[in-house]
PDB file of N, CA and C in Angstrom:
ATOM      1  N   MET A   1      -5.685  -1.333 -13.018  1.00  0.00           N
ATOM      2  CA  MET A   1      -5.173  -2.563 -12.410  1.00  0.00           C
ATOM      3  C   MET A   1      -6.334  -3.208 -11.638  1.00  0.00           C
ATOM      4  N   ASN A   2      -6.595  -4.468 -11.912  1.00  0.00           N
ATOM      5  CA  ASN A   2      -7.653  -5.152 -11.178  1.00  0.00           C
ATOM      6  C   ASN A   2      -7.083  -5.778  -9.900  1.00  0.00           C
ATOM      7  N   ILE A   3      -7.954  -6.335  -9.092  1.00  0.00           N
ATOM      8  CA  ILE A   3      -7.534  -6.854  -7.784  1.00  0.00           C
ATOM      9  C   ILE A   3      -6.555  -8.013  -7.920  1.00  0.00           C
ATOM     10  N   GLU A   4      -6.717  -8.851  -8.931  1.00  0.00           N
ATOM     11  CA  GLU A   4      -5.793  -9.966  -9.116  1.00  0.00           C
ATOM     12  C   GLU A   4      -4.388  -9.471  -9.474  1.00  0.00           C
ATOM     13  N   GLN A   5      -4.321  -8.473 -10.341  1.00  0.00           N
ATOM     14  CA  GLN A   5      -3.030  -7.894 -10.713  1.00  0.00           C
ATOM     15  C   GLN A   5      -2.369  -7.209  -9.520  1.00  0.00           C
ATOM     16  N   LEU A   6      -3.165  -6.493  -8.750  1.00  0.00           N
ATOM     17  CA  LEU A   6      -2.641  -5.824  -7.556  1.00  0.00           C
ATOM     18  C   LEU A   6      -2.109  -6.854  -6.564  1.00  0.00           C
ATOM     19  N   HIS A   7      -2.882  -7.898  -6.331  1.00  0.00           N
ATOM     20  CA  HIS A   7      -2.472  -8.967  -5.423  1.00  0.00           C
ATOM     21  C   HIS A   7      -1.157  -9.585  -5.891  1.00  0.00           C
ATOM     22  N   GLN A   8      -1.080  -9.928  -7.168  1.00  0.00           N
ATOM     23  CA  GLN A   8       0.121 -10.554  -7.716  1.00  0.00           C
ATOM     24  C   GLN A   8       1.333  -9.636  -7.595  1.00  0.00           C
ATOM     25  N   TYR A   9       1.126  -8.351  -7.841  1.00  0.00           N
ATOM     26  CA  TYR A   9       2.234  -7.401  -7.762  1.00  0.00           C
ATOM     27  C   TYR A   9       2.774  -7.318  -6.334  1.00  0.00           C
ATOM     28  N   CYS A  10       1.879  -7.224  -5.360  1.00  0.00           N
ATOM     29  CA  CYS A  10       2.312  -7.107  -3.960  1.00  0.00           C
ATOM     30  C   CYS A  10       2.941  -8.393  -3.440  1.00  0.00           C
ATOM     31  N   ILE A  11       2.312  -9.525  -3.698  1.00  0.00           N
ATOM     32  CA  ILE A  11       2.766 -10.795  -3.121  1.00  0.00           C
ATOM     33  C   ILE A  11       4.070 -11.281  -3.773  1.00  0.00           C
ATOM     34  N   SER A  12       4.388 -10.772  -4.970  1.00  0.00           N
ATOM     35  CA  SER A  12       5.592 -11.225  -5.655  1.00  0.00           C
ATOM     36  C   SER A  12       6.875 -10.611  -5.090  1.00  0.00           C
ATOM     37  N   LYS A  13       6.734  -9.630  -4.224  1.00  0.00           N
ATOM     38  CA  LYS A  13       7.923  -8.995  -3.643  1.00  0.00           C
ATOM     39  C   LYS A  13       8.545  -9.905  -2.587  1.00  0.00           C
ATOM     40  N   ARG A  14       9.859  -9.806  -2.440  1.00  0.00           N
ATOM     41  CA  ARG A  14      10.589 -10.671  -1.506  1.00  0.00           C
ATOM     42  C   ARG A  14      10.119 -10.470  -0.069  1.00  0.00           C
ATOM     43  N   GLY A  15       9.894 -11.589   0.628  1.00  0.00           N
ATOM     44  CA  GLY A  15       9.555 -11.563   2.041  1.00  0.00           C
ATOM     45  C   GLY A  15       8.124 -11.175   2.359  1.00  0.00           C
ATOM     46  N   VAL A  16       7.264 -11.085   1.337  1.00  0.00           N
ATOM     47  CA  VAL A  16       5.891 -10.615   1.553  1.00  0.00           C
ATOM     48  C   VAL A  16       4.954 -11.777   1.857  1.00  0.00           C
ATOM     49  N   THR A  17       4.087 -11.529   2.837  1.00  0.00           N
ATOM     50  CA  THR A  17       3.015 -12.456   3.188  1.00  0.00           C
ATOM     51  C   THR A  17       1.717 -11.662   3.253  1.00  0.00           C
ATOM     52  N   GLU A  18       0.606 -12.371   3.186  1.00  0.00           N
ATOM     53  CA  GLU A  18      -0.701 -11.710   3.254  1.00  0.00           C
ATOM     54  C   GLU A  18      -1.451 -12.197   4.487  1.00  0.00           C
ATOM     55  N   HIS A  19      -2.232 -11.282   5.067  1.00  0.00           N
ATOM     56  CA  HIS A  19      -2.931 -11.573   6.319  1.00  0.00           C
ATOM     57  C   HIS A  19      -4.268 -10.841   6.355  1.00  0.00           C
ATOM     58  N   PHE A  20      -5.111 -11.251   7.304  1.00  0.00           N
ATOM     59  CA  PHE A  20      -6.357 -10.555   7.607  1.00  0.00           C
ATOM     60  C   PHE A  20      -6.380 -10.277   9.113  1.00  0.00           C
ATOM     61  N   PRO A  21      -5.499  -9.390   9.614  1.00  0.00           N
ATOM     62  CA  PRO A  21      -5.378  -9.198  11.058  1.00  0.00           C
ATOM     63  C   PRO A  21      -6.511  -8.390  11.692  1.00  0.00           C
ATOM     64  N   PHE A  22      -7.225  -7.596  10.899  1.00  0.00           N
ATOM     65  CA  PHE A  22      -8.248  -6.712  11.460  1.00  0.00           C
ATOM     66  C   PHE A  22      -9.652  -7.281  11.341  1.00  0.00           C
ATOM     67  N   ASP A  23      -9.952  -7.844  10.193  1.00  0.00           N
ATOM     68  CA  ASP A  23     -11.275  -8.417   9.927  1.00  0.00           C
ATOM     69  C   ASP A  23     -11.156  -9.293   8.678  1.00  0.00           C
ATOM     70  N   GLU A  24     -12.265  -9.854   8.246  1.00  0.00           N
ATOM     71  CA  GLU A  24     -12.245 -10.753   7.087  1.00  0.00           C
ATOM     72  C   GLU A  24     -12.231  -9.999   5.761  1.00  0.00           C
ATOM     73  N   ASP A  25     -12.310  -8.671   5.822  1.00  0.00           N
ATOM     74  CA  ASP A  25     -12.426  -7.852   4.625  1.00  0.00           C
ATOM     75  C   ASP A  25     -11.125  -7.148   4.241  1.00  0.00           C
ATOM     76  N   THR A  26     -10.290  -6.836   5.220  1.00  0.00           N
ATOM     77  CA  THR A  26      -9.096  -6.033   4.957  1.00  0.00           C
ATOM     78  C   THR A  26      -7.867  -6.907   4.770  1.00  0.00           C
ATOM     79  N   LEU A  27      -7.448  -7.026   3.515  1.00  0.00           N
ATOM     80  CA  LEU A  27      -6.253  -7.792   3.168  1.00  0.00           C
ATOM     81  C   LEU A  27      -5.031  -6.922   3.446  1.00  0.00           C
ATOM     82  N   VAL A  28      -4.103  -7.453   4.226  1.00  0.00           N
ATOM     83  CA  VAL A  28      -2.898  -6.715   4.595  1.00  0.00           C
ATOM     84  C   VAL A  28      -1.684  -7.455   4.056  1.00  0.00           C
ATOM     85  N   PHE A  29      -0.840  -6.720   3.351  1.00  0.00           N
ATOM     86  CA  PHE A  29       0.426  -7.264   2.880  1.00  0.00           C
ATOM     87  C   PHE A  29       1.520  -6.792   3.829  1.00  0.00           C
ATOM     88  N   LYS A  30       2.351  -7.751   4.253  1.00  0.00           N
ATOM     89  CA  LYS A  30       3.439  -7.449   5.172  1.00  0.00           C
ATOM     90  C   LYS A  30       4.754  -7.936   4.578  1.00  0.00           C
ATOM     91  N   VAL A  31       5.812  -7.210   4.897  1.00  0.00           N
ATOM     92  CA  VAL A  31       7.153  -7.669   4.572  1.00  0.00           C
ATOM     93  C   VAL A  31       7.832  -7.964   5.898  1.00  0.00           C
ATOM     94  N   LEU A  32       8.188  -9.232   6.080  1.00  0.00           N
ATOM     95  CA  LEU A  32       8.806  -9.712   7.322  1.00  0.00           C
ATOM     96  C   LEU A  32       8.038  -9.225   8.551  1.00  0.00           C
ATOM     97  N   GLY A  33       6.717  -9.316   8.478  1.00  0.00           N
ATOM     98  CA  GLY A  33       5.859  -9.009   9.621  1.00  0.00           C
ATOM     99  C   GLY A  33       5.437  -7.569   9.778  1.00  0.00           C
ATOM    100  N   LYS A  34       5.865  -6.683   8.895  1.00  0.00           N
ATOM    101  CA  LYS A  34       5.513  -5.259   8.976  1.00  0.00           C
ATOM    102  C   LYS A  34       4.629  -4.862   7.799  1.00  0.00           C
ATOM    103  N   MET A  35       3.525  -4.180   8.088  1.00  0.00           N
ATOM    104  CA  MET A  35       2.563  -3.790   7.060  1.00  0.00           C
ATOM    105  C   MET A  35       3.143  -2.781   6.082  1.00  0.00           C
ATOM    106  N   PHE A  36       2.814  -2.984   4.798  1.00  0.00           N
ATOM    107  CA  PHE A  36       3.140  -1.961   3.806  1.00  0.00           C
ATOM    108  C   PHE A  36       1.950  -1.639   2.903  1.00  0.00           C
ATOM    109  N   ALA A  37       0.899  -2.477   2.909  1.00  0.00           N
ATOM    110  CA  ALA A  37      -0.280  -2.207   2.086  1.00  0.00           C
ATOM    111  C   ALA A  37      -1.522  -2.835   2.712  1.00  0.00           C
ATOM    112  N   LEU A  38      -2.627  -2.087   2.652  1.00  0.00           N
ATOM    113  CA  LEU A  38      -3.917  -2.572   3.140  1.00  0.00           C
ATOM    114  C   LEU A  38      -4.938  -2.409   2.020  1.00  0.00           C
ATOM    115  N   VAL A  39      -5.719  -3.447   1.779  1.00  0.00           N
ATOM    116  CA  VAL A  39      -6.689  -3.436   0.682  1.00  0.00           C
ATOM    117  C   VAL A  39      -8.054  -3.892   1.218  1.00  0.00           C
ATOM    118  N   PRO A  40      -9.059  -2.991   1.217  1.00  0.00           N
ATOM    119  CA  PRO A  40     -10.403  -3.383   1.651  1.00  0.00           C
ATOM    120  C   PRO A  40     -11.150  -4.111   0.525  1.00  0.00           C
ATOM    121  N   LEU A  41     -11.218  -5.424   0.620  1.00  0.00           N
ATOM    122  CA  LEU A  41     -11.762  -6.232  -0.471  1.00  0.00           C
ATOM    123  C   LEU A  41     -13.238  -5.955  -0.735  1.00  0.00           C
ATOM    124  N   GLY A  42     -14.014  -5.707   0.304  1.00  0.00           N
ATOM    125  CA  GLY A  42     -15.436  -5.411   0.129  1.00  0.00           C
ATOM    126  C   GLY A  42     -15.665  -4.185  -0.740  1.00  0.00           C
ATOM    127  N   LYS A  43     -14.830  -3.182  -0.547  1.00  0.00           N
ATOM    128  CA  LYS A  43     -14.953  -1.967  -1.366  1.00  0.00           C
ATOM    129  C   LYS A  43     -14.616  -2.259  -2.826  1.00  0.00           C
ATOM    130  N   TRP A  44     -13.616  -3.110  -3.062  1.00  0.00           N
ATOM    131  CA  TRP A  44     -13.284  -3.492  -4.438  1.00  0.00           C
ATOM    132  C   TRP A  44     -14.481  -4.164  -5.094  1.00  0.00           C
ATOM    133  N   GLU A  45     -15.156  -5.046  -4.343  1.00  0.00           N
ATOM    134  CA  GLU A  45     -16.318  -5.755  -4.887  1.00  0.00           C
ATOM    135  C   GLU A  45     -17.452  -4.800  -5.219  1.00  0.00           C
ATOM    136  N   ARG A  46     -17.545  -3.701  -4.487  1.00  0.00           N
ATOM    137  CA  ARG A  46     -18.601  -2.701  -4.725  1.00  0.00           C
ATOM    138  C   ARG A  46     -18.174  -1.649  -5.755  1.00  0.00           C
ATOM    139  N   GLY A  47     -16.995  -1.827  -6.368  1.00  0.00           N
ATOM    140  CA  GLY A  47     -16.528  -0.871  -7.356  1.00  0.00           C
ATOM    141  C   GLY A  47     -15.873   0.363  -6.759  1.00  0.00           C
ATOM    142  N   GLU A  48     -15.476   0.279  -5.487  1.00  0.00           N
ATOM    143  CA  GLU A  48     -14.845   1.409  -4.789  1.00  0.00           C
ATOM    144  C   GLU A  48     -13.400   1.041  -4.434  1.00  0.00           C
ATOM    145  N   ALA A  49     -12.614   0.686  -5.431  1.00  0.00           N
ATOM    146  CA  ALA A  49     -11.257   0.198  -5.219  1.00  0.00           C
ATOM    147  C   ALA A  49     -10.377   1.233  -4.531  1.00  0.00           C
ATOM    148  N   SER A  50      -9.616   0.754  -3.530  1.00  0.00           N
ATOM    149  CA  SER A  50      -8.641   1.617  -2.864  1.00  0.00           C
ATOM    150  C   SER A  50      -7.528   0.758  -2.280  1.00  0.00           C
ATOM    151  N   ILE A  51      -6.424   1.418  -1.963  1.00  0.00           N
ATOM    152  CA  ILE A  51      -5.305   0.764  -1.306  1.00  0.00           C
ATOM    153  C   ILE A  51      -4.662   1.801  -0.394  1.00  0.00           C
ATOM    154  N   THR A  52      -4.242   1.368   0.775  1.00  0.00           N
ATOM    155  CA  THR A  52      -3.558   2.245   1.721  1.00  0.00           C
ATOM    156  C   THR A  52      -2.094   1.841   1.771  1.00  0.00           C
ATOM    157  N   LEU A  53      -1.217   2.841   1.598  1.00  0.00           N
ATOM    158  CA  LEU A  53       0.217   2.592   1.503  1.00  0.00           C
ATOM    159  C   LEU A  53       0.998   3.542   2.396  1.00  0.00           C
ATOM    160  N   LYS A  54       2.109   3.056   2.912  1.00  0.00           N
ATOM    161  CA  LYS A  54       3.025   3.895   3.670  1.00  0.00           C
ATOM    162  C   LYS A  54       3.715   4.849   2.696  1.00  0.00           C
ATOM    163  N   CYS A  55       4.050   6.055   3.188  1.00  0.00           N
ATOM    164  CA  CYS A  55       4.651   7.044   2.298  1.00  0.00           C
ATOM    165  C   CYS A  55       5.500   8.021   3.103  1.00  0.00           C
ATOM    166  N   ASP A  56       6.594   8.458   2.511  1.00  0.00           N
ATOM    167  CA  ASP A  56       7.408   9.512   3.107  1.00  0.00           C
ATOM    168  C   ASP A  56       6.505  10.724   3.346  1.00  0.00           C
ATOM    169  N   PRO A  57       6.565  11.360   4.523  1.00  0.00           N
ATOM    170  CA  PRO A  57       5.641  12.456   4.837  1.00  0.00           C
ATOM    171  C   PRO A  57       5.619  13.606   3.825  1.00  0.00           C
ATOM    172  N   ASP A  58       6.772  14.057   3.365  1.00  0.00           N
ATOM    173  CA  ASP A  58       6.799  15.156   2.394  1.00  0.00           C
ATOM    174  C   ASP A  58       6.210  14.726   1.055  1.00  0.00           C
ATOM    175  N   TYR A  59       6.543  13.531   0.638  1.00  0.00           N
ATOM    176  CA  TYR A  59       6.001  12.997  -0.612  1.00  0.00           C
ATOM    177  C   TYR A  59       4.497  12.790  -0.496  1.00  0.00           C
ATOM    178  N   ALA A  60       4.048  12.331   0.676  1.00  0.00           N
ATOM    179  CA  ALA A  60       2.613  12.121   0.911  1.00  0.00           C
ATOM    180  C   ALA A  60       1.845  13.419   0.707  1.00  0.00           C
ATOM    181  N   GLU A  61       2.348  14.515   1.251  1.00  0.00           N
ATOM    182  CA  GLU A  61       1.685  15.815   1.098  1.00  0.00           C
ATOM    183  C   GLU A  61       1.678  16.260  -0.355  1.00  0.00           C
ATOM    184  N   ALA A  62       2.784  16.060  -1.049  1.00  0.00           N
ATOM    185  CA  ALA A  62       2.861  16.447  -2.460  1.00  0.00           C
ATOM    186  C   ALA A  62       1.860  15.650  -3.300  1.00  0.00           C
ATOM    187  N   LEU A  63       1.741  14.365  -3.021  1.00  0.00           N
ATOM    188  CA  LEU A  63       0.783  13.525  -3.761  1.00  0.00           C
ATOM    189  C   LEU A  63      -0.646  13.973  -3.503  1.00  0.00           C
ATOM    190  N   ARG A  64      -0.958  14.293  -2.252  1.00  0.00           N
ATOM    191  CA  ARG A  64      -2.314  14.748  -1.918  1.00  0.00           C
ATOM    192  C   ARG A  64      -2.644  16.066  -2.595  1.00  0.00           C
ATOM    193  N   ALA A  65      -1.632  16.913  -2.751  1.00  0.00           N
ATOM    194  CA  ALA A  65      -1.851  18.199  -3.410  1.00  0.00           C
ATOM    195  C   ALA A  65      -2.075  18.016  -4.913  1.00  0.00           C
ATOM    196  N   GLU A  66      -1.425  17.021  -5.497  1.00  0.00           N
ATOM    197  CA  GLU A  66      -1.521  16.815  -6.943  1.00  0.00           C
ATOM    198  C   GLU A  66      -2.730  15.974  -7.359  1.00  0.00           C
ATOM    199  N   TYR A  67      -3.106  15.001  -6.537  1.00  0.00           N
ATOM    200  CA  TYR A  67      -4.186  14.071  -6.888  1.00  0.00           C
ATOM    201  C   TYR A  67      -5.325  14.174  -5.884  1.00  0.00           C
ATOM    202  N   SER A  68      -6.507  14.481  -6.375  1.00  0.00           N
ATOM    203  CA  SER A  68      -7.657  14.629  -5.480  1.00  0.00           C
ATOM    204  C   SER A  68      -8.103  13.296  -4.875  1.00  0.00           C
ATOM    205  N   ASN A  69      -7.702  12.184  -5.482  1.00  0.00           N
ATOM    206  CA  ASN A  69      -8.114  10.878  -4.951  1.00  0.00           C
ATOM    207  C   ASN A  69      -6.997  10.189  -4.153  1.00  0.00           C
ATOM    208  N   ILE A  70      -6.025  10.953  -3.691  1.00  0.00           N
ATOM    209  CA  ILE A  70      -5.056  10.464  -2.716  1.00  0.00           C
ATOM    210  C   ILE A  70      -5.251  11.298  -1.462  1.00  0.00           C
ATOM    211  N   LYS A  71      -5.566  10.614  -0.360  1.00  0.00           N
ATOM    212  CA  LYS A  71      -5.888  11.299   0.894  1.00  0.00           C
ATOM    213  C   LYS A  71      -5.149  10.640   2.054  1.00  0.00           C
ATOM    214  N   GLY A  72      -5.053  11.359   3.158  1.00  0.00           N
ATOM    215  CA  GLY A  72      -4.499  10.772   4.377  1.00  0.00           C
ATOM    216  C   GLY A  72      -5.331   9.564   4.763  1.00  0.00           C
ATOM    217  N   ALA A  73      -4.679   8.504   5.167  1.00  0.00           N
ATOM    218  CA  ALA A  73      -5.356   7.222   5.399  1.00  0.00           C
ATOM    219  C   ALA A  73      -6.244   7.259   6.640  1.00  0.00           C
ATOM    220  N   TYR A  74      -7.449   6.762   6.475  1.00  0.00           N
ATOM    221  CA  TYR A  74      -8.410   6.637   7.561  1.00  0.00           C
ATOM    222  C   TYR A  74      -7.913   5.582   8.548  1.00  0.00           C
ATOM    223  N   HIS A  75      -7.984   5.862   9.823  1.00  0.00           N
ATOM    224  CA  HIS A  75      -7.562   4.946  10.903  1.00  0.00           C
ATOM    225  C   HIS A  75      -6.062   4.662  10.920  1.00  0.00           C
ATOM    226  N   MET A  76      -5.276   5.468  10.219  1.00  0.00           N
ATOM    227  CA  MET A  76      -3.828   5.286  10.216  1.00  0.00           C
ATOM    228  C   MET A  76      -3.199   6.652  10.500  1.00  0.00           C
ATOM    229  N   ASN A  77      -1.908   6.667  10.765  1.00  0.00           N
ATOM    230  CA  ASN A  77      -1.200   7.922  10.950  1.00  0.00           C
ATOM    231  C   ASN A  77      -1.144   8.634   9.600  1.00  0.00           C
ATOM    232  N   LYS A  78      -1.910   9.706   9.468  1.00  0.00           N
ATOM    233  CA  LYS A  78      -2.043  10.391   8.182  1.00  0.00           C
ATOM    234  C   LYS A  78      -0.747  11.034   7.713  1.00  0.00           C
ATOM    235  N   LYS A  79       0.199  11.209   8.612  1.00  0.00           N
ATOM    236  CA  LYS A  79       1.496  11.763   8.222  1.00  0.00           C
ATOM    237  C   LYS A  79       2.283  10.750   7.384  1.00  0.00           C
ATOM    238  N   HIS A  80       2.104   9.462   7.686  1.00  0.00           N
ATOM    239  CA  HIS A  80       2.912   8.406   7.058  1.00  0.00           C
ATOM    240  C   HIS A  80       2.134   7.457   6.145  1.00  0.00           C
ATOM    241  N   TRP A  81       0.816   7.599   6.073  1.00  0.00           N
ATOM    242  CA  TRP A  81       0.007   6.662   5.283  1.00  0.00           C
ATOM    243  C   TRP A  81      -0.978   7.420   4.404  1.00  0.00           C
ATOM    244  N   ASN A  82      -1.076   7.006   3.152  1.00  0.00           N
ATOM    245  CA  ASN A  82      -2.043   7.547   2.194  1.00  0.00           C
ATOM    246  C   ASN A  82      -2.996   6.449   1.759  1.00  0.00           C
ATOM    247  N   THR A  83      -4.236   6.848   1.475  1.00  0.00           N
ATOM    248  CA  THR A  83      -5.165   5.954   0.794  1.00  0.00           C
ATOM    249  C   THR A  83      -5.346   6.472  -0.618  1.00  0.00           C
ATOM    250  N   LEU A  84      -5.181   5.575  -1.572  1.00  0.00           N
ATOM    251  CA  LEU A  84      -5.361   5.889  -2.989  1.00  0.00           C
ATOM    252  C   LEU A  84      -6.717   5.329  -3.405  1.00  0.00           C
ATOM    253  N   TYR A  85      -7.614   6.209  -3.845  1.00  0.00           N
ATOM    254  CA  TYR A  85      -8.932   5.792  -4.308  1.00  0.00           C
ATOM    255  C   TYR A  85      -8.829   5.559  -5.811  1.00  0.00           C
ATOM    256  N   LEU A  86      -8.818   4.293  -6.195  1.00  0.00           N
ATOM    257  CA  LEU A  86      -8.474   3.898  -7.558  1.00  0.00           C
ATOM    258  C   LEU A  86      -9.648   3.871  -8.521  1.00  0.00           C
ATOM    259  N   SER A  87     -10.856   3.782  -8.015  1.00  0.00           N
ATOM    260  CA  SER A  87     -12.012   3.624  -8.900  1.00  0.00           C
ATOM    261  C   SER A  87     -12.264   4.865  -9.743  1.00  0.00           C
ATOM    262  N   GLU A  88     -11.684   6.000  -9.351  1.00  0.00           N
ATOM    263  CA  GLU A  88     -11.876   7.219 -10.125  1.00  0.00           C
ATOM    264  C   GLU A  88     -10.932   7.284 -11.327  1.00  0.00           C
ATOM    265  N   GLY A  89      -9.942   6.378 -11.397  1.00  0.00           N
ATOM    266  CA  GLY A  89      -9.091   6.242 -12.564  1.00  0.00           C
ATOM    267  C   GLY A  89      -8.048   7.316 -12.777  1.00  0.00           C
ATOM    268  N   GLU A  90      -7.885   8.227 -11.842  1.00  0.00           N
ATOM    269  CA  GLU A  90      -6.945   9.337 -12.015  1.00  0.00           C
ATOM    270  C   GLU A  90      -5.492   8.916 -11.826  1.00  0.00           C
ATOM    271  N   ILE A  91      -5.245   7.831 -11.125  1.00  0.00           N
ATOM    272  CA  ILE A  91      -3.886   7.404 -10.806  1.00  0.00           C
ATOM    273  C   ILE A  91      -3.400   6.413 -11.864  1.00  0.00           C
ATOM    274  N   PRO A  92      -2.362   6.787 -12.618  1.00  0.00           N
ATOM    275  CA  PRO A  92      -1.822   5.873 -13.631  1.00  0.00           C
ATOM    276  C   PRO A  92      -1.257   4.597 -12.986  1.00  0.00           C
ATOM    277  N   ILE A  93      -1.317   3.488 -13.696  1.00  0.00           N
ATOM    278  CA  ILE A  93      -0.842   2.209 -13.169  1.00  0.00           C
ATOM    279  C   ILE A  93       0.629   2.282 -12.783  1.00  0.00           C
ATOM    280  N   GLN A  94       1.435   2.962 -13.586  1.00  0.00           N
ATOM    281  CA  GLN A  94       2.865   3.060 -13.257  1.00  0.00           C
ATOM    282  C   GLN A  94       3.076   3.805 -11.947  1.00  0.00           C
ATOM    283  N   LEU A  95       2.276   4.851 -11.685  1.00  0.00           N
ATOM    284  CA  LEU A  95       2.379   5.568 -10.417  1.00  0.00           C
ATOM    285  C   LEU A  95       1.940   4.660  -9.277  1.00  0.00           C
ATOM    286  N   LEU A  96       0.868   3.913  -9.465  1.00  0.00           N
ATOM    287  CA  LEU A  96       0.411   2.980  -8.435  1.00  0.00           C
ATOM    288  C   LEU A  96       1.509   1.978  -8.092  1.00  0.00           C
ATOM    289  N   LYS A  97       2.117   1.389  -9.105  1.00  0.00           N
ATOM    290  CA  LYS A  97       3.207   0.435  -8.864  1.00  0.00           C
ATOM    291  C   LYS A  97       4.375   1.111  -8.153  1.00  0.00           C
ATOM    292  N   SER A  98       4.689   2.311  -8.559  1.00  0.00           N
ATOM    293  CA  SER A  98       5.774   3.064  -7.933  1.00  0.00           C
ATOM    294  C   SER A  98       5.478   3.339  -6.454  1.00  0.00           C
ATOM    295  N   LEU A  99       4.232   3.654  -6.135  1.00  0.00           N
ATOM    296  CA  LEU A  99       3.860   3.934  -4.742  1.00  0.00           C
ATOM    297  C   LEU A  99       3.836   2.654  -3.906  1.00  0.00           C
ATOM    298  N   ILE A 100       3.476   1.528  -4.502  1.00  0.00           N
ATOM    299  CA  ILE A 100       3.571   0.239  -3.804  1.00  0.00           C
ATOM    300  C   ILE A 100       5.038  -0.056  -3.513  1.00  0.00           C
ATOM    301  N   ASP A 101       5.896   0.147  -4.499  1.00  0.00           N
ATOM    302  CA  ASP A 101       7.337  -0.068  -4.309  1.00  0.00           C
ATOM    303  C   ASP A 101       7.881   0.853  -3.222  1.00  0.00           C
ATOM    304  N   HIS A 102       7.458   2.112  -3.253  1.00  0.00           N
ATOM    305  CA  HIS A 102       7.900   3.101  -2.269  1.00  0.00           C
ATOM    306  C   HIS A 102       7.514   2.648  -0.856  1.00  0.00           C
ATOM    307  N   SER A 103       6.285   2.203  -0.686  1.00  0.00           N
ATOM    308  CA  SER A 103       5.815   1.737   0.614  1.00  0.00           C
ATOM    309  C   SER A 103       6.627   0.531   1.087  1.00  0.00           C
ATOM    310  N   TYR A 104       6.784  -0.437   0.212  1.00  0.00           N
ATOM    311  CA  TYR A 104       7.566  -1.634   0.519  1.00  0.00           C
ATOM    312  C   TYR A 104       8.992  -1.247   0.934  1.00  0.00           C
ATOM    313  N   ASN A 105       9.622  -0.384   0.145  1.00  0.00           N
ATOM    314  CA  ASN A 105      11.004   0.016   0.421  1.00  0.00           C
ATOM    315  C   ASN A 105      11.137   0.780   1.732  1.00  0.00           C
ATOM    316  N   LEU A 106      10.160   1.632   2.049  1.00  0.00           N
ATOM    317  CA  LEU A 106      10.186   2.343   3.333  1.00  0.00           C
ATOM    318  C   LEU A 106      10.145   1.371   4.507  1.00  0.00           C
ATOM    319  N   VAL A 107       9.283   0.382   4.401  1.00  0.00           N
ATOM    320  CA  VAL A 107       9.164  -0.598   5.478  1.00  0.00           C
ATOM    321  C   VAL A 107      10.452  -1.411   5.592  1.00  0.00           C
ATOM    322  N   VAL A 108      11.004  -1.832   4.477  1.00  0.00           N
ATOM    323  CA  VAL A 108      12.257  -2.597   4.493  1.00  0.00           C
ATOM    324  C   VAL A 108      13.373  -1.767   5.133  1.00  0.00           C
ATOM    325  N   LYS A 109      13.466  -0.481   4.777  1.00  0.00           N
ATOM    326  CA  LYS A 109      14.506   0.387   5.356  1.00  0.00           C
ATOM    327  C   LYS A 109      14.380   0.502   6.872  1.00  0.00           C
ATOM    328  N   GLY A 110      13.163   0.362   7.391  1.00  0.00           N
ATOM    329  CA  GLY A 110      12.933   0.460   8.824  1.00  0.00           C
ATOM    330  C   GLY A 110      13.230  -0.821   9.589  1.00  0.00           C
ATOM    331  N   LEU A 111      13.484  -1.896   8.874  1.00  0.00           N
ATOM    332  CA  LEU A 111      13.793  -3.179   9.522  1.00  0.00           C
ATOM    333  C   LEU A 111      15.252  -3.195   9.981  1.00  0.00           C
ATOM    334  N   PRO A 112      15.553  -3.994  11.004  1.00  0.00           N
ATOM    335  CA  PRO A 112      16.962  -4.151  11.393  1.00  0.00           C
ATOM    336  C   PRO A 112      17.780  -4.687  10.213  1.00  0.00           C
ATOM    337  N   LYS A 113      19.030  -4.294  10.160  1.00  0.00           N
ATOM    338  CA  LYS A 113      19.929  -4.685   9.050  1.00  0.00           C
ATOM    339  C   LYS A 113      19.971  -6.206   8.863  1.00  0.00           C
ATOM    340  N   LYS A 114      19.924  -6.919   9.958  1.00  0.00           N
ATOM    341  CA  LYS A 114      19.980  -8.383   9.879  1.00  0.00           C
ATOM    342  C   LYS A 114      18.781  -8.924   9.087  1.00  0.00           C
ATOM    343  N   LEU A 115      17.593  -8.358   9.335  1.00  0.00           N
ATOM    344  CA  LEU A 115      16.395  -8.773   8.592  1.00  0.00           C
ATOM    345  C   LEU A 115      16.457  -8.295   7.145  1.00  0.00           C
ATOM    346  N   GLN A 116      16.945  -7.082   6.947  1.00  0.00           N
ATOM    347  CA  GLN A 116      17.077  -6.564   5.572  1.00  0.00           C
ATOM    348  C   GLN A 116      17.938  -7.492   4.717  1.00  0.00           C
ATOM    349  N   SER A 117      18.983  -8.026   5.328  1.00  0.00           N
ATOM    350  CA  SER A 117      19.902  -8.880   4.564  1.00  0.00           C
ATOM    351  C   SER A 117      19.242 -10.168   4.105  1.00  0.00           C
ATOM    352  N   THR A 118      18.169 -10.604   4.767  1.00  0.00           N
ATOM    353  CA  THR A 118      17.479 -11.828   4.342  1.00  0.00           C
ATOM    354  C   THR A 118      16.698 -11.611   3.048  1.00  0.00           C
ATOM    355  N   LEU A 119      16.496 -10.344   2.677  1.00  0.00           N
ATOM    356  CA  LEU A 119      15.732 -10.036   1.469  1.00  0.00           C
ATOM    357  C   LEU A 119      16.608  -9.889   0.231  1.00  0.00           C
ATOM    358  N   LEU A 120      17.922  -9.944   0.412  1.00  0.00           N
ATOM    359  CA  LEU A 120      18.837  -9.784  -0.729  1.00  0.00           C
ATOM    360  C   LEU A 120      18.948 -11.035  -1.546  1.00  0.00           C
TER     361      LEU A 120
END
């Protein structure tokens, strides 16, 4: 998946906006103001593609055990966030999409019911 496809996949979800809250390099996707994906654009340009996603803690550990290029996220709570290093090609596109969906859904579940209803 290239950066344009990744961008399109994330931004097409209901209630999603994109921001650069940390610096000019880190693209952050939010659903109703809450982060669900972080993408370091400079690394993509250098051929070091990665994405950081929220993840259920037990699932996060299982993914790290199965895939050597999924690690606890740098500068994030490693219990709840994984970084997927995509340039090594070990992660199938369907799994990547599934993990983006998982992150999005976790964040949506954490929103107040009133906000969740705006996404229906």
